[in-house]
Amino acid sequence: MKIAVVGGTGLIGSQVVKSLRAAGHQAVPHSLSTGLDIITGQGLEEAVAGADVVVNLSNSPTFDEASIDFFRTSMNNLLAAAERAGVGHFVVLSIVGVDQVPQLDYYRAKTLQEEILTAGPIPYSIVRATQFMEFMDAVMSETAEGSTVRLPHTPIQPIAAAEVAGTVAEVAAGPPLNGILNIAGPDVYTLDDLGRITVTVKGDGRSVVTDDTAGMFAAVPGDFLIAHGDARIASTHYADWLA
């Protein structure tokens, strides 16, 4: 199959392309660096031409309210072009619990992206993943002050990006789910405890203080970021990934 991977040069996208090619598919990465602008539409028709599947892994440059316009415009542009090109399957990567956290602008934006996809004309699959292990450093830097990192006691279930990419590639190569597949890491931590594990293993030297007002995830109530029900559980443990 020919599979157009939008956002195909990023952390997840590059691994999705590699996995699909290893399985014998014609996976073509598209991004701003390859000449595709999904906001203006530049390069869009060429990107989806002849594609059997479109995988959308693009991401907003910001996590604030502007992300809502980004996902609205990009999804409408991509879906319209894909429909004209006769694409038979459209895949999006989203977030576990995304529709349960309207307090976060970015989560509202990703929920809108899902809604546009499900209301659209093309058979679809949504893969929702928990937080990537690779993002822990960025999460900690957001609330770092000198030798202290403040993190909330929010439960999370981190997953390795490689396992997310493998699942996205598998779904893209299969029939449309016309639904949602949830994937998560094997262990549940609170974010502050995960921070303590991280600085200890890395010999970071900073201390982690519990602060339920600190950072983006402080706005998440309860265990909405944890996978429930029939979620697929990945095999990589955070401690092993750190090692």
C-alpha atoms as a PDB file:
ATOM      1  CA  MET A   1       0.000   0.000   0.000  1.00  0.00           C
ATOM      2  CA  LYS A   2       0.974   3.610  -0.472  1.00  0.00           C
ATOM      3  CA  ILE A   3       0.701   5.406   2.858  1.00  0.00           C
ATOM      4  CA  ALA A   4       1.147   9.170   3.236  1.00  0.00           C
ATOM      5  CA  VAL A   5       2.495   9.974   6.697  1.00  0.00           C
ATOM      6  CA  VAL A   6       1.829  13.618   7.560  1.00  0.00           C
ATOM      7  CA  GLY A   7       4.245  14.683  10.253  1.00  0.00           C
ATOM      8  CA  GLY A   8       6.405  11.842   9.031  1.00  0.00           C
ATOM      9  CA  THR A   9       9.739  13.370  10.033  1.00  0.00           C
ATOM     10  CA  GLY A  10       8.990  13.768  13.759  1.00  0.00           C
ATOM     11  CA  LEU A  11       9.513  11.557  16.812  1.00  0.00           C
ATOM     12  CA  ILE A  12       6.608   9.213  16.060  1.00  0.00           C
ATOM     13  CA  GLY A  13       6.314   9.805  12.325  1.00  0.00           C
ATOM     14  CA  SER A  14       9.870   8.840  11.424  1.00  0.00           C
ATOM     15  CA  GLN A  15       9.474   5.551  13.295  1.00  0.00           C
ATOM     16  CA  VAL A  16       6.078   4.887  11.668  1.00  0.00           C
ATOM     17  CA  VAL A  17       7.619   5.381   8.216  1.00  0.00           C
ATOM     18  CA  LYS A  18      10.497   3.038   9.072  1.00  0.00           C
ATOM     19  CA  SER A  19       8.132   0.349  10.382  1.00  0.00           C
ATOM     20  CA  LEU A  20       5.807   0.547   7.394  1.00  0.00           C
ATOM     21  CA  ARG A  21       8.675   0.346   4.927  1.00  0.00           C
ATOM     22  CA  ALA A  22      10.086  -2.671   6.754  1.00  0.00           C
ATOM     23  CA  ALA A  23       6.691  -4.336   6.273  1.00  0.00           C
ATOM     24  CA  GLY A  24       6.870  -3.715   2.521  1.00  0.00           C
ATOM     25  CA  HIS A  25       4.639  -0.660   2.222  1.00  0.00           C
ATOM     26  CA  GLN A  26       5.378   2.526   0.286  1.00  0.00           C
ATOM     27  CA  ALA A  27       5.419   4.944   3.214  1.00  0.00           C
ATOM     28  CA  VAL A  28       6.065   8.564   2.244  1.00  0.00           C
ATOM     29  CA  PRO A  29       6.855  11.157   4.954  1.00  0.00           C
ATOM     30  CA  HIS A  30       5.425  14.663   4.591  1.00  0.00           C
ATOM     31  CA  SER A  31       6.089  17.763   6.690  1.00  0.00           C
ATOM     32  CA  LEU A  32       7.020  21.416   6.384  1.00  0.00           C
ATOM     33  CA  SER A  33      10.579  20.302   5.626  1.00  0.00           C
ATOM     34  CA  THR A  34       9.371  18.305   2.607  1.00  0.00           C
ATOM     35  CA  GLY A  35       7.212  21.152   1.280  1.00  0.00           C
ATOM     36  CA  LEU A  36       3.826  20.345   2.841  1.00  0.00           C
ATOM     37  CA  ASP A  37       1.916  23.073   4.687  1.00  0.00           C
ATOM     38  CA  ILE A  38      -1.358  21.670   5.996  1.00  0.00           C
ATOM     39  CA  ILE A  39      -2.571  25.122   7.087  1.00  0.00           C
ATOM     40  CA  THR A  40      -2.168  26.935   3.756  1.00  0.00           C
ATOM     41  CA  GLY A  41      -2.662  23.744   1.744  1.00  0.00           C
ATOM     42  CA  GLN A  42       0.643  24.083  -0.097  1.00  0.00           C
ATOM     43  CA  GLY A  43       1.766  20.670  -1.368  1.00  0.00           C
ATOM     44  CA  LEU A  44      -1.345  18.943  -0.052  1.00  0.00           C
ATOM     45  CA  GLU A  45      -2.725  17.532  -3.287  1.00  0.00           C
ATOM     46  CA  GLU A  46       0.681  16.121  -4.194  1.00  0.00           C
ATOM     47  CA  ALA A  47       1.125  14.581  -0.735  1.00  0.00           C
ATOM     48  CA  VAL A  48      -2.093  12.535  -0.841  1.00  0.00           C
ATOM     49  CA  ALA A  49      -2.090  11.705  -4.547  1.00  0.00           C
ATOM     50  CA  GLY A  50      -2.338   7.955  -5.055  1.00  0.00           C
ATOM     51  CA  ALA A  51      -2.342   7.215  -1.327  1.00  0.00           C
ATOM     52  CA  ASP A  52      -4.406   4.331   0.011  1.00  0.00           C
ATOM     53  CA  VAL A  53      -4.013   5.579   3.581  1.00  0.00           C
ATOM     54  CA  VAL A  54      -3.261   8.926   5.213  1.00  0.00           C
ATOM     55  CA  VAL A  55      -1.711   8.935   8.693  1.00  0.00           C
ATOM     56  CA  ASN A  56      -1.922  12.324  10.393  1.00  0.00           C
ATOM     57  CA  LEU A  57       0.760  12.796  13.044  1.00  0.00           C
ATOM     58  CA  SER A  58       1.038  16.558  12.681  1.00  0.00           C
ATOM     59  CA  ASN A  59       1.077  18.647  15.823  1.00  0.00           C
ATOM     60  CA  SER A  60       0.239  22.195  16.779  1.00  0.00           C
ATOM     61  CA  PRO A  61       3.253  24.461  17.353  1.00  0.00           C
ATOM     62  CA  THR A  62       1.630  25.646  20.604  1.00  0.00           C
ATOM     63  CA  PHE A  63      -0.407  24.060  23.392  1.00  0.00           C
ATOM     64  CA  ASP A  64      -2.585  27.097  24.057  1.00  0.00           C
ATOM     65  CA  GLU A  65      -5.901  28.211  22.575  1.00  0.00           C
ATOM     66  CA  ALA A  66      -4.280  28.685  19.154  1.00  0.00           C
ATOM     67  CA  SER A  67      -4.004  24.892  18.900  1.00  0.00           C
ATOM     68  CA  ILE A  68      -7.780  24.718  18.375  1.00  0.00           C
ATOM     69  CA  ASP A  69      -7.566  26.680  15.126  1.00  0.00           C
ATOM     70  CA  PHE A  70      -4.552  24.643  14.050  1.00  0.00           C
ATOM     71  CA  PHE A  71      -6.339  21.309  14.337  1.00  0.00           C
ATOM     72  CA  ARG A  72      -9.592  22.628  12.894  1.00  0.00           C
ATOM     73  CA  THR A  73      -7.917  24.042   9.787  1.00  0.00           C
ATOM     74  CA  SER A  74      -5.423  21.230   9.252  1.00  0.00           C
ATOM     75  CA  MET A  75      -7.998  18.449   9.616  1.00  0.00           C
ATOM     76  CA  ASN A  76     -10.500  20.109   7.298  1.00  0.00           C
ATOM     77  CA  ASN A  77      -7.780  20.664   4.699  1.00  0.00           C
ATOM     78  CA  LEU A  78      -6.405  17.129   4.976  1.00  0.00           C
ATOM     79  CA  LEU A  79      -9.793  15.414   4.893  1.00  0.00           C
ATOM     80  CA  ALA A  80     -10.960  17.398   1.882  1.00  0.00           C
ATOM     81  CA  ALA A  81      -7.781  16.611  -0.057  1.00  0.00           C
ATOM     82  CA  ALA A  82      -7.876  12.950   0.975  1.00  0.00           C
ATOM     83  CA  GLU A  83     -11.487  12.608  -0.145  1.00  0.00           C
ATOM     84  CA  ARG A  84     -10.672  14.124  -3.535  1.00  0.00           C
ATOM     85  CA  ALA A  85      -7.766  11.707  -3.873  1.00  0.00           C
ATOM     86  CA  GLY A  86      -9.932   8.670  -3.081  1.00  0.00           C
ATOM     87  CA  VAL A  87      -8.091   7.774   0.133  1.00  0.00           C
ATOM     88  CA  GLY A  88      -9.761   4.794   1.821  1.00  0.00           C
ATOM     89  CA  HIS A  89      -8.434   5.041   5.388  1.00  0.00           C
ATOM     90  CA  PHE A  90      -7.473   8.007   7.571  1.00  0.00           C
ATOM     91  CA  VAL A  91      -5.511   7.459  10.812  1.00  0.00           C
ATOM     92  CA  VAL A  92      -4.982   9.971  13.620  1.00  0.00           C
ATOM     93  CA  LEU A  93      -2.871   9.708  16.780  1.00  0.00           C
ATOM     94  CA  SER A  94      -4.595  11.177  19.833  1.00  0.00           C
ATOM     95  CA  ILE A  95      -4.406  11.012  23.637  1.00  0.00           C
ATOM     96  CA  VAL A  96      -6.002   8.673  26.182  1.00  0.00           C
ATOM     97  CA  GLY A  97      -8.697  10.556  28.104  1.00  0.00           C
ATOM     98  CA  VAL A  98      -8.507  13.534  25.763  1.00  0.00           C
ATOM     99  CA  ASP A  99     -12.242  14.178  25.796  1.00  0.00           C
ATOM    100  CA  GLN A 100     -12.372  14.148  29.613  1.00  0.00           C
ATOM    101  CA  VAL A 101     -10.135  17.174  30.197  1.00  0.00           C
ATOM    102  CA  PRO A 102     -11.798  20.274  28.692  1.00  0.00           C
ATOM    103  CA  GLN A 103      -9.812  22.412  31.121  1.00  0.00           C
ATOM    104  CA  LEU A 104      -6.806  22.098  28.802  1.00  0.00           C
ATOM    105  CA  ASP A 105      -6.891  24.034  25.527  1.00  0.00           C
ATOM    106  CA  TYR A 106      -4.712  21.457  23.794  1.00  0.00           C
ATOM    107  CA  TYR A 107      -6.954  18.573  24.845  1.00  0.00           C
ATOM    108  CA  ARG A 108     -10.015  20.440  23.586  1.00  0.00           C
ATOM    109  CA  ALA A 109      -8.160  20.938  20.306  1.00  0.00           C
ATOM    110  CA  LYS A 110      -7.321  17.243  19.974  1.00  0.00           C
ATOM    111  CA  THR A 111     -10.924  16.335  20.819  1.00  0.00           C
ATOM    112  CA  LEU A 112     -12.057  18.641  18.008  1.00  0.00           C
ATOM    113  CA  GLN A 113      -9.620  16.883  15.673  1.00  0.00           C
ATOM    114  CA  GLU A 114     -11.233  13.535  16.532  1.00  0.00           C
ATOM    115  CA  GLU A 115     -14.726  14.942  16.058  1.00  0.00           C
ATOM    116  CA  ILE A 116     -13.895  16.310  12.602  1.00  0.00           C
ATOM    117  CA  LEU A 117     -12.458  12.944  11.614  1.00  0.00           C
ATOM    118  CA  THR A 118     -15.386  10.863  12.851  1.00  0.00           C
ATOM    119  CA  ALA A 119     -17.900  13.175  11.160  1.00  0.00           C
ATOM    120  CA  GLY A 120     -15.971  13.111   7.904  1.00  0.00           C
ATOM    121  CA  PRO A 121     -16.412  11.070   4.728  1.00  0.00           C
ATOM    122  CA  ILE A 122     -13.460   8.678   5.066  1.00  0.00           C
ATOM    123  CA  PRO A 123     -13.247   5.393   7.039  1.00  0.00           C
ATOM    124  CA  TYR A 124     -10.974   6.102   9.982  1.00  0.00           C
ATOM    125  CA  SER A 125      -8.942   4.831  12.914  1.00  0.00           C
ATOM    126  CA  ILE A 126      -8.007   6.739  16.068  1.00  0.00           C
ATOM    127  CA  VAL A 127      -5.086   5.546  18.171  1.00  0.00           C
ATOM    128  CA  ARG A 128      -5.101   7.133  21.615  1.00  0.00           C
ATOM    129  CA  ALA A 129      -1.854   6.836  23.578  1.00  0.00           C
ATOM    130  CA  THR A 130      -0.895   7.765  27.122  1.00  0.00           C
ATOM    131  CA  GLN A 131       1.982  10.185  27.785  1.00  0.00           C
ATOM    132  CA  PHE A 132       5.268   9.425  26.010  1.00  0.00           C
ATOM    133  CA  MET A 133       8.238   8.516  28.186  1.00  0.00           C
ATOM    134  CA  GLU A 134      10.330  10.771  25.947  1.00  0.00           C
ATOM    135  CA  PHE A 135       8.410  13.845  27.128  1.00  0.00           C
ATOM    136  CA  MET A 136       9.334  13.540  30.813  1.00  0.00           C
ATOM    137  CA  ASP A 137      12.304  15.916  30.571  1.00  0.00           C
ATOM    138  CA  ALA A 138      10.130  18.574  28.945  1.00  0.00           C
ATOM    139  CA  VAL A 139       7.413  18.137  31.577  1.00  0.00           C
ATOM    140  CA  MET A 140       9.987  18.594  34.341  1.00  0.00           C
ATOM    141  CA  SER A 141      11.631  21.609  32.722  1.00  0.00           C
ATOM    142  CA  GLU A 142       8.275  23.395  32.608  1.00  0.00           C
ATOM    143  CA  THR A 143       8.162  23.707  36.406  1.00  0.00           C
ATOM    144  CA  ALA A 144      11.885  23.631  37.269  1.00  0.00           C
ATOM    145  CA  GLU A 145      13.228  26.405  39.478  1.00  0.00           C
ATOM    146  CA  GLY A 146      16.912  26.113  40.238  1.00  0.00           C
ATOM    147  CA  SER A 147      17.526  22.826  42.030  1.00  0.00           C
ATOM    148  CA  THR A 148      13.809  22.106  42.520  1.00  0.00           C
ATOM    149  CA  VAL A 149      11.196  20.606  40.211  1.00  0.00           C
ATOM    150  CA  ARG A 150       7.539  21.003  41.164  1.00  0.00           C
ATOM    151  CA  LEU A 151       5.154  18.328  39.893  1.00  0.00           C
ATOM    152  CA  PRO A 152       1.537  17.434  40.666  1.00  0.00           C
ATOM    153  CA  HIS A 153       0.378  14.094  42.064  1.00  0.00           C
ATOM    154  CA  THR A 154      -1.473  13.339  38.807  1.00  0.00           C
ATOM    155  CA  PRO A 155      -1.578   9.623  37.848  1.00  0.00           C
ATOM    156  CA  ILE A 156      -0.056   8.815  34.453  1.00  0.00           C
ATOM    157  CA  GLN A 157       0.803   5.632  32.566  1.00  0.00           C
ATOM    158  CA  PRO A 158       3.862   6.405  30.400  1.00  0.00           C
ATOM    159  CA  ILE A 159       4.515   4.574  27.139  1.00  0.00           C
ATOM    160  CA  ALA A 160       7.610   4.409  24.942  1.00  0.00           C
ATOM    161  CA  ALA A 161       7.313   6.304  21.655  1.00  0.00           C
ATOM    162  CA  ALA A 162       8.624   3.287  19.738  1.00  0.00           C
ATOM    163  CA  GLU A 163       5.653   1.219  20.879  1.00  0.00           C
ATOM    164  CA  VAL A 164       3.236   3.987  19.948  1.00  0.00           C
ATOM    165  CA  ALA A 165       4.783   4.169  16.489  1.00  0.00           C
ATOM    166  CA  GLY A 166       4.591   0.407  16.070  1.00  0.00           C
ATOM    167  CA  THR A 167       0.899   0.401  16.902  1.00  0.00           C
ATOM    168  CA  VAL A 168       0.147   3.319  14.575  1.00  0.00           C
ATOM    169  CA  ALA A 169       1.945   1.523  11.739  1.00  0.00           C
ATOM    170  CA  GLU A 170       0.033  -1.686  12.430  1.00  0.00           C
ATOM    171  CA  VAL A 171      -3.307   0.132  12.417  1.00  0.00           C
ATOM    172  CA  ALA A 172      -2.437   2.050   9.254  1.00  0.00           C
ATOM    173  CA  ALA A 173      -1.660  -1.191   7.418  1.00  0.00           C
ATOM    174  CA  GLY A 174      -4.910  -2.815   8.528  1.00  0.00           C
ATOM    175  CA  PRO A 175      -8.597  -2.195   7.864  1.00  0.00           C
ATOM    176  CA  PRO A 176     -10.203   0.951   9.310  1.00  0.00           C
ATOM    177  CA  LEU A 177     -11.326   0.552  12.921  1.00  0.00           C
ATOM    178  CA  ASN A 178     -14.022   3.208  12.605  1.00  0.00           C
ATOM    179  CA  GLY A 179     -13.368   3.575  16.292  1.00  0.00           C
ATOM    180  CA  ILE A 180     -10.676   4.079  18.920  1.00  0.00           C
ATOM    181  CA  LEU A 181      -7.768   1.904  20.060  1.00  0.00           C
ATOM    182  CA  ASN A 182      -6.286   2.919  23.420  1.00  0.00           C
ATOM    183  CA  ILE A 183      -2.658   2.036  24.165  1.00  0.00           C
ATOM    184  CA  ALA A 184      -0.708   2.572  27.385  1.00  0.00           C
ATOM    185  CA  GLY A 185       2.467   1.672  29.200  1.00  0.00           C
ATOM    186  CA  PRO A 186       2.532  -1.209  31.683  1.00  0.00           C
ATOM    187  CA  ASP A 187       2.860   0.833  34.897  1.00  0.00           C
ATOM    188  CA  VAL A 188       0.928   3.628  36.601  1.00  0.00           C
ATOM    189  CA  TYR A 189       2.832   6.312  38.488  1.00  0.00           C
ATOM    190  CA  THR A 190       1.980   9.686  39.893  1.00  0.00           C
ATOM    191  CA  LEU A 191       3.790  12.405  38.001  1.00  0.00           C
ATOM    192  CA  ASP A 192       5.746  13.588  41.036  1.00  0.00           C
ATOM    193  CA  ASP A 193       6.957  10.051  41.796  1.00  0.00           C
ATOM    194  CA  LEU A 194       7.937   9.592  38.165  1.00  0.00           C
ATOM    195  CA  GLY A 195       9.966  12.778  38.447  1.00  0.00           C
ATOM    196  CA  ARG A 196      11.771  11.424  41.515  1.00  0.00           C
ATOM    197  CA  ILE A 197      12.583   8.188  39.700  1.00  0.00           C
ATOM    198  CA  THR A 198      13.898  10.187  36.751  1.00  0.00           C
ATOM    199  CA  VAL A 199      16.253  12.445  38.717  1.00  0.00           C
ATOM    200  CA  THR A 200      17.508   9.514  40.806  1.00  0.00           C
ATOM    201  CA  VAL A 201      18.341   7.282  37.857  1.00  0.00           C
ATOM    202  CA  LYS A 202      19.944  10.137  35.920  1.00  0.00           C
ATOM    203  CA  GLY A 203      21.887  11.409  38.919  1.00  0.00           C
ATOM    204  CA  ASP A 204      20.255  14.748  38.242  1.00  0.00           C
ATOM    205  CA  GLY A 205      20.779  16.257  41.689  1.00  0.00           C
ATOM    206  CA  ARG A 206      17.510  18.187  41.696  1.00  0.00           C
ATOM    207  CA  SER A 207      14.749  17.502  44.193  1.00  0.00           C
ATOM    208  CA  VAL A 208      11.117  16.935  43.219  1.00  0.00           C
ATOM    209  CA  VAL A 209       8.439  18.630  45.293  1.00  0.00           C
ATOM    210  CA  THR A 210       4.767  17.708  45.091  1.00  0.00           C
ATOM    211  CA  ASP A 211       2.742  20.717  43.977  1.00  0.00           C
ATOM    212  CA  ASP A 212      -0.779  20.084  42.705  1.00  0.00           C
ATOM    213  CA  THR A 213      -0.878  23.526  41.059  1.00  0.00           C
ATOM    214  CA  ALA A 214       2.295  23.066  38.990  1.00  0.00           C
ATOM    215  CA  GLY A 215       2.402  22.620  35.243  1.00  0.00           C
ATOM    216  CA  MET A 216      -0.023  21.601  32.531  1.00  0.00           C
ATOM    217  CA  PHE A 217      -1.117  18.334  34.144  1.00  0.00           C
ATOM    218  CA  ALA A 218      -2.184  19.999  37.379  1.00  0.00           C
ATOM    219  CA  ALA A 219      -5.476  20.733  35.615  1.00  0.00           C
ATOM    220  CA  VAL A 220      -6.227  17.035  35.109  1.00  0.00           C
ATOM    221  CA  PRO A 221      -8.624  15.675  37.755  1.00  0.00           C
ATOM    222  CA  GLY A 222      -8.699  12.052  38.884  1.00  0.00           C
ATOM    223  CA  ASP A 223      -7.255   9.322  36.692  1.00  0.00           C
ATOM    224  CA  PHE A 224      -8.400  10.513  33.261  1.00  0.00           C
ATOM    225  CA  LEU A 225      -4.898  10.021  31.819  1.00  0.00           C
ATOM    226  CA  ILE A 226      -4.930   6.327  32.743  1.00  0.00           C
ATOM    227  CA  ALA A 227      -6.075   3.708  30.238  1.00  0.00           C
ATOM    228  CA  HIS A 228      -9.144   1.749  31.264  1.00  0.00           C
ATOM    229  CA  GLY A 229     -11.144  -1.165  29.879  1.00  0.00           C
ATOM    230  CA  ASP A 230      -9.795  -2.988  26.856  1.00  0.00           C
ATOM    231  CA  ALA A 231      -6.707  -0.833  26.267  1.00  0.00           C
ATOM    232  CA  ARG A 232      -3.660  -2.479  24.718  1.00  0.00           C
ATOM    233  CA  ILE A 233      -0.820  -2.541  27.251  1.00  0.00           C
ATOM    234  CA  ALA A 234       2.718  -2.111  25.930  1.00  0.00           C
ATOM    235  CA  SER A 235       5.675  -4.047  27.328  1.00  0.00           C
ATOM    236  CA  THR A 236       8.380  -1.422  27.972  1.00  0.00           C
ATOM    237  CA  HIS A 237       8.699  -0.355  31.622  1.00  0.00           C
ATOM    238  CA  TYR A 238       9.864   3.181  32.377  1.00  0.00           C
ATOM    239  CA  ALA A 239      12.829   2.013  34.469  1.00  0.00           C
ATOM    240  CA  ASP A 240      14.030  -0.198  31.615  1.00  0.00           C
ATOM    241  CA  TRP A 241      13.542   2.627  29.110  1.00  0.00           C
ATOM    242  CA  LEU A 242      15.573   4.996  31.303  1.00  0.00           C
ATOM    243  CA  ALA A 243      18.352   2.411  31.601  1.00  0.00           C
END
